[in-house]
Amino acid sequence: RINGGEDHLYMRKIAAEAKAHGTRLIFVFLPVFNGAESISDLDFLKQFGPVLNYGDLAQRDELFENWSHLNHAGAMAASARLAAALLGFDLFTPNEQARTK
């Protein structure tokens, strides 16, 4: 958790707004260098949308400018993975199901 549990409150509100507008949520986890490779709230996030976990990048020092920022190579690697993952989602069909769930 980022801020003592309030992140769950905000995420529920964001998800409710997205649902009300027929918008899909997709979560992307980008780690900090030498940080956690897993997502502590994975099950919580999954109830609102798919989660793309790029935590395996955390140990690759050649991808980081500093502890909290990817360098150019890291940004290119993460962007390529994200682009490939997004190809698997139907992003252009209105999400009527989200409004009725």
N, C-alpha and C. Protein backbone atom coordinates (compact mmCIF):
# COMPACT_ATOMS: atom_id res chain seq x y z
N ARG A 1 0.83 -1.18 0.00
CA ARG A 1 0.00 0.00 0.00
C ARG A 1 0.87 1.24 0.00
N ILE A 2 0.39 2.24 -0.65
CA ILE A 2 1.19 3.45 -0.80
C ILE A 2 0.99 4.40 0.38
N ASN A 3 -0.22 4.60 0.80
CA ASN A 3 -0.47 5.65 1.78
C ASN A 3 -1.41 5.21 2.91
N GLY A 4 -1.12 4.09 3.52
CA GLY A 4 -1.88 3.65 4.69
C GLY A 4 -3.29 3.19 4.40
N GLY A 5 -3.57 2.75 3.21
CA GLY A 5 -4.89 2.23 2.91
C GLY A 5 -5.79 3.18 2.14
N GLU A 6 -5.45 4.44 2.12
CA GLU A 6 -6.28 5.39 1.37
C GLU A 6 -6.25 5.10 -0.11
N ASP A 7 -5.18 4.45 -0.58
CA ASP A 7 -5.11 4.12 -2.00
C ASP A 7 -6.27 3.22 -2.41
N HIS A 8 -6.73 2.35 -1.52
CA HIS A 8 -7.89 1.50 -1.83
C HIS A 8 -9.14 2.35 -1.99
N LEU A 9 -9.30 3.32 -1.12
CA LEU A 9 -10.45 4.22 -1.20
C LEU A 9 -10.45 4.95 -2.55
N TYR A 10 -9.32 5.52 -2.91
CA TYR A 10 -9.23 6.25 -4.18
C TYR A 10 -9.40 5.32 -5.37
N MET A 11 -8.83 4.14 -5.30
CA MET A 11 -8.95 3.22 -6.43
C MET A 11 -10.40 2.79 -6.62
N ARG A 12 -11.13 2.58 -5.54
CA ARG A 12 -12.56 2.25 -5.67
C ARG A 12 -13.32 3.38 -6.34
N LYS A 13 -13.00 4.61 -5.98
CA LYS A 13 -13.67 5.76 -6.58
C LYS A 13 -13.30 5.91 -8.06
N ILE A 14 -12.04 5.72 -8.38
CA ILE A 14 -11.61 5.79 -9.77
C ILE A 14 -12.30 4.69 -10.58
N ALA A 15 -12.36 3.48 -10.03
CA ALA A 15 -13.01 2.36 -10.72
C ALA A 15 -14.50 2.62 -10.92
N ALA A 16 -15.14 3.21 -9.93
CA ALA A 16 -16.57 3.52 -10.05
C ALA A 16 -16.81 4.55 -11.15
N GLU A 17 -15.96 5.56 -11.23
CA GLU A 17 -16.08 6.56 -12.30
C GLU A 17 -15.84 5.93 -13.66
N ALA A 18 -14.83 5.09 -13.74
CA ALA A 18 -14.53 4.42 -15.01
C ALA A 18 -15.73 3.56 -15.44
N LYS A 19 -16.27 2.82 -14.51
CA LYS A 19 -17.42 1.96 -14.80
C LYS A 19 -18.62 2.77 -15.26
N ALA A 20 -18.86 3.89 -14.59
CA ALA A 20 -20.00 4.74 -14.93
C ALA A 20 -19.89 5.30 -16.35
N HIS A 21 -18.67 5.42 -16.83
CA HIS A 21 -18.44 5.96 -18.17
C HIS A 21 -18.07 4.88 -19.19
N GLY A 22 -18.20 3.61 -18.80
CA GLY A 22 -17.92 2.52 -19.73
C GLY A 22 -16.45 2.40 -20.10
N THR A 23 -15.58 2.79 -19.18
CA THR A 23 -14.14 2.79 -19.45
C THR A 23 -13.47 1.62 -18.75
N ARG A 24 -12.59 0.95 -19.45
CA ARG A 24 -11.82 -0.14 -18.86
C ARG A 24 -10.59 0.41 -18.17
N LEU A 25 -10.22 -0.21 -17.08
CA LEU A 25 -8.98 0.11 -16.40
C LEU A 25 -7.97 -0.98 -16.68
N ILE A 26 -6.74 -0.59 -16.90
CA ILE A 26 -5.61 -1.51 -17.04
C ILE A 26 -4.51 -0.95 -16.15
N PHE A 27 -4.01 -1.77 -15.24
CA PHE A 27 -2.98 -1.34 -14.31
C PHE A 27 -1.61 -1.80 -14.80
N VAL A 28 -0.64 -0.92 -14.70
CA VAL A 28 0.73 -1.23 -15.11
C VAL A 28 1.65 -1.00 -13.91
N PHE A 29 2.35 -2.05 -13.50
CA PHE A 29 3.29 -1.94 -12.39
C PHE A 29 4.70 -1.84 -12.94
N LEU A 30 5.33 -0.69 -12.72
CA LEU A 30 6.73 -0.47 -13.05
C LEU A 30 7.50 -0.33 -11.74
N PRO A 31 8.47 -1.17 -11.50
CA PRO A 31 9.17 -1.17 -10.22
C PRO A 31 10.22 -0.08 -10.11
N VAL A 32 10.70 0.11 -8.90
CA VAL A 32 11.89 0.92 -8.68
C VAL A 32 13.07 -0.05 -8.70
N PHE A 33 14.27 0.48 -8.90
CA PHE A 33 15.45 -0.38 -8.94
C PHE A 33 15.65 -1.10 -7.61
N ASN A 34 15.88 -2.39 -7.68
CA ASN A 34 16.07 -3.25 -6.51
C ASN A 34 14.85 -3.31 -5.61
N GLY A 35 13.72 -2.89 -6.13
CA GLY A 35 12.49 -2.88 -5.34
C GLY A 35 11.72 -4.18 -5.48
N ALA A 36 10.52 -4.14 -4.99
CA ALA A 36 9.63 -5.30 -5.04
C ALA A 36 9.36 -5.70 -6.49
N GLU A 37 9.32 -6.99 -6.71
CA GLU A 37 9.00 -7.50 -8.03
C GLU A 37 7.56 -7.96 -8.12
N SER A 38 6.90 -8.01 -6.97
CA SER A 38 5.51 -8.44 -6.95
C SER A 38 4.63 -7.28 -6.46
N ILE A 39 3.35 -7.43 -6.67
CA ILE A 39 2.38 -6.40 -6.33
C ILE A 39 1.62 -6.85 -5.10
N SER A 40 1.72 -6.08 -4.02
CA SER A 40 1.10 -6.50 -2.76
C SER A 40 -0.42 -6.53 -2.84
N ASP A 41 -1.01 -5.67 -3.64
CA ASP A 41 -2.48 -5.58 -3.72
C ASP A 41 -3.01 -6.16 -5.03
N LEU A 42 -2.34 -7.16 -5.54
CA LEU A 42 -2.70 -7.72 -6.84
C LEU A 42 -4.16 -8.15 -6.91
N ASP A 43 -4.62 -8.91 -5.94
CA ASP A 43 -6.01 -9.39 -5.97
C ASP A 43 -7.00 -8.23 -5.90
N PHE A 44 -6.67 -7.21 -5.13
CA PHE A 44 -7.54 -6.03 -5.04
C PHE A 44 -7.64 -5.35 -6.41
N LEU A 45 -6.52 -5.14 -7.06
CA LEU A 45 -6.52 -4.47 -8.36
C LEU A 45 -7.22 -5.29 -9.44
N LYS A 46 -7.03 -6.61 -9.41
CA LYS A 46 -7.61 -7.49 -10.43
C LYS A 46 -9.14 -7.40 -10.49
N GLN A 47 -9.77 -7.01 -9.39
CA GLN A 47 -11.23 -6.92 -9.42
C GLN A 47 -11.70 -5.76 -10.29
N PHE A 48 -10.81 -4.83 -10.61
CA PHE A 48 -11.17 -3.67 -11.42
C PHE A 48 -10.65 -3.74 -12.85
N GLY A 49 -9.66 -4.58 -13.10
CA GLY A 49 -9.11 -4.68 -14.45
C GLY A 49 -7.85 -5.51 -14.46
N PRO A 50 -7.36 -5.79 -15.66
CA PRO A 50 -6.12 -6.56 -15.77
C PRO A 50 -4.93 -5.80 -15.21
N VAL A 51 -3.94 -6.56 -14.74
CA VAL A 51 -2.73 -5.97 -14.16
C VAL A 51 -1.53 -6.48 -14.95
N LEU A 52 -0.75 -5.55 -15.46
CA LEU A 52 0.48 -5.89 -16.18
C LEU A 52 1.63 -5.66 -15.22
N ASN A 53 2.31 -6.73 -14.87
CA ASN A 53 3.38 -6.65 -13.87
C ASN A 53 4.74 -6.73 -14.54
N TYR A 54 5.48 -5.63 -14.50
CA TYR A 54 6.82 -5.60 -15.05
C TYR A 54 7.86 -5.55 -13.94
N GLY A 55 7.52 -6.16 -12.81
CA GLY A 55 8.41 -6.19 -11.66
C GLY A 55 9.73 -6.89 -11.91
N ASP A 56 9.77 -7.77 -12.92
CA ASP A 56 11.02 -8.46 -13.22
C ASP A 56 12.11 -7.51 -13.70
N LEU A 57 11.76 -6.29 -14.04
CA LEU A 57 12.76 -5.30 -14.46
C LEU A 57 13.54 -4.73 -13.28
N ALA A 58 13.05 -4.92 -12.07
CA ALA A 58 13.61 -4.27 -10.87
C ALA A 58 15.09 -4.57 -10.65
N GLN A 59 15.55 -5.73 -11.02
CA GLN A 59 16.93 -6.12 -10.75
C GLN A 59 17.89 -5.83 -11.90
N ARG A 60 17.39 -5.22 -12.94
CA ARG A 60 18.21 -4.98 -14.14
C ARG A 60 18.76 -3.55 -14.11
N ASP A 61 19.90 -3.37 -13.48
CA ASP A 61 20.47 -2.03 -13.28
C ASP A 61 20.74 -1.29 -14.59
N GLU A 62 20.93 -2.02 -15.68
CA GLU A 62 21.19 -1.36 -16.96
C GLU A 62 19.96 -0.64 -17.51
N LEU A 63 18.80 -0.84 -16.87
CA LEU A 63 17.56 -0.21 -17.32
C LEU A 63 17.16 1.02 -16.51
N PHE A 64 17.96 1.37 -15.50
CA PHE A 64 17.58 2.46 -14.60
C PHE A 64 18.57 3.63 -14.65
N GLU A 65 18.01 4.83 -14.66
CA GLU A 65 18.79 6.06 -14.56
C GLU A 65 19.19 6.29 -13.10
N ASN A 66 18.25 6.07 -12.22
CA ASN A 66 18.46 6.11 -10.77
C ASN A 66 17.45 5.17 -10.15
N TRP A 67 17.34 5.14 -8.85
CA TRP A 67 16.51 4.11 -8.20
C TRP A 67 15.04 4.18 -8.61
N SER A 68 14.54 5.35 -9.00
CA SER A 68 13.10 5.45 -9.28
C SER A 68 12.76 5.81 -10.73
N HIS A 69 13.75 5.87 -11.60
CA HIS A 69 13.48 6.25 -12.98
C HIS A 69 14.18 5.31 -13.96
N LEU A 70 13.41 4.83 -14.92
CA LEU A 70 14.00 4.06 -16.00
C LEU A 70 14.84 4.98 -16.87
N ASN A 71 15.89 4.45 -17.45
CA ASN A 71 16.66 5.20 -18.44
C ASN A 71 16.02 4.97 -19.82
N HIS A 72 16.67 5.43 -20.86
CA HIS A 72 16.10 5.27 -22.20
C HIS A 72 15.88 3.80 -22.55
N ALA A 73 16.87 2.97 -22.27
CA ALA A 73 16.73 1.53 -22.58
C ALA A 73 15.59 0.91 -21.77
N GLY A 74 15.48 1.30 -20.51
CA GLY A 74 14.40 0.79 -19.68
C GLY A 74 13.03 1.24 -20.16
N ALA A 75 12.94 2.50 -20.54
CA ALA A 75 11.68 3.03 -21.05
C ALA A 75 11.29 2.34 -22.36
N MET A 76 12.27 2.10 -23.21
CA MET A 76 11.99 1.40 -24.47
C MET A 76 11.53 -0.03 -24.20
N ALA A 77 12.19 -0.72 -23.26
CA ALA A 77 11.81 -2.10 -22.94
C ALA A 77 10.40 -2.15 -22.35
N ALA A 78 10.12 -1.27 -21.40
CA ALA A 78 8.80 -1.26 -20.77
C ALA A 78 7.73 -0.86 -21.78
N SER A 79 8.02 0.12 -22.62
CA SER A 79 7.05 0.57 -23.63
C SER A 79 6.75 -0.53 -24.65
N ALA A 80 7.76 -1.26 -25.05
CA ALA A 80 7.55 -2.35 -26.00
C ALA A 80 6.67 -3.44 -25.39
N ARG A 81 6.93 -3.77 -24.13
CA ARG A 81 6.10 -4.78 -23.46
C ARG A 81 4.66 -4.30 -23.32
N LEU A 82 4.51 -3.03 -22.96
CA LEU A 82 3.16 -2.48 -22.80
C LEU A 82 2.43 -2.48 -24.14
N ALA A 83 3.09 -2.04 -25.20
CA ALA A 83 2.46 -2.03 -26.52
C ALA A 83 2.03 -3.44 -26.93
N ALA A 84 2.90 -4.41 -26.71
CA ALA A 84 2.56 -5.80 -27.06
C ALA A 84 1.36 -6.29 -26.25
N ALA A 85 1.33 -5.95 -24.97
CA ALA A 85 0.22 -6.37 -24.11
C ALA A 85 -1.08 -5.70 -24.54
N LEU A 86 -1.03 -4.43 -24.88
CA LEU A 86 -2.24 -3.71 -25.27
C LEU A 86 -2.84 -4.25 -26.56
N LEU A 87 -2.01 -4.82 -27.41
CA LEU A 87 -2.54 -5.43 -28.63
C LEU A 87 -3.52 -6.56 -28.32
N GLY A 88 -3.38 -7.16 -27.14
CA GLY A 88 -4.25 -8.25 -26.75
C GLY A 88 -5.59 -7.82 -26.17
N PHE A 89 -5.77 -6.52 -25.98
CA PHE A 89 -7.01 -6.00 -25.42
C PHE A 89 -7.86 -5.36 -26.52
N ASP A 90 -9.17 -5.52 -26.41
CA ASP A 90 -10.09 -4.85 -27.33
C ASP A 90 -10.37 -3.47 -26.74
N LEU A 91 -9.63 -2.49 -27.19
CA LEU A 91 -9.71 -1.14 -26.62
C LEU A 91 -10.70 -0.24 -27.36
N PHE A 92 -11.27 -0.71 -28.45
CA PHE A 92 -12.09 0.16 -29.26
C PHE A 92 -13.58 -0.16 -29.23
N THR A 93 -13.96 -1.25 -28.57
CA THR A 93 -15.36 -1.58 -28.42
C THR A 93 -15.85 -0.94 -27.13
N PRO A 94 -16.95 -0.21 -27.18
CA PRO A 94 -17.46 0.39 -25.93
C PRO A 94 -17.68 -0.68 -24.87
N ASN A 95 -17.35 -0.33 -23.66
CA ASN A 95 -17.42 -1.30 -22.57
C ASN A 95 -18.79 -1.24 -21.89
N GLU A 96 -19.81 -1.70 -22.59
CA GLU A 96 -21.17 -1.71 -22.03
C GLU A 96 -21.24 -2.61 -20.81
N GLN A 97 -20.46 -3.69 -20.82
CA GLN A 97 -20.47 -4.63 -19.69
C GLN A 97 -20.04 -3.92 -18.41
N ALA A 98 -19.12 -3.01 -18.50
CA ALA A 98 -18.64 -2.30 -17.32
C ALA A 98 -19.76 -1.50 -16.68
N ARG A 99 -20.66 -0.98 -17.49
CA ARG A 99 -21.75 -0.17 -16.95
C ARG A 99 -22.80 -1.00 -16.26
N THR A 100 -22.93 -2.27 -16.65
CA THR A 100 -24.01 -3.11 -16.11
C THR A 100 -23.58 -4.03 -15.00
N LYS A 101 -22.29 -4.15 -14.75
CA LYS A 101 -21.81 -5.06 -13.70
C LYS A 101 -22.10 -4.50 -12.33
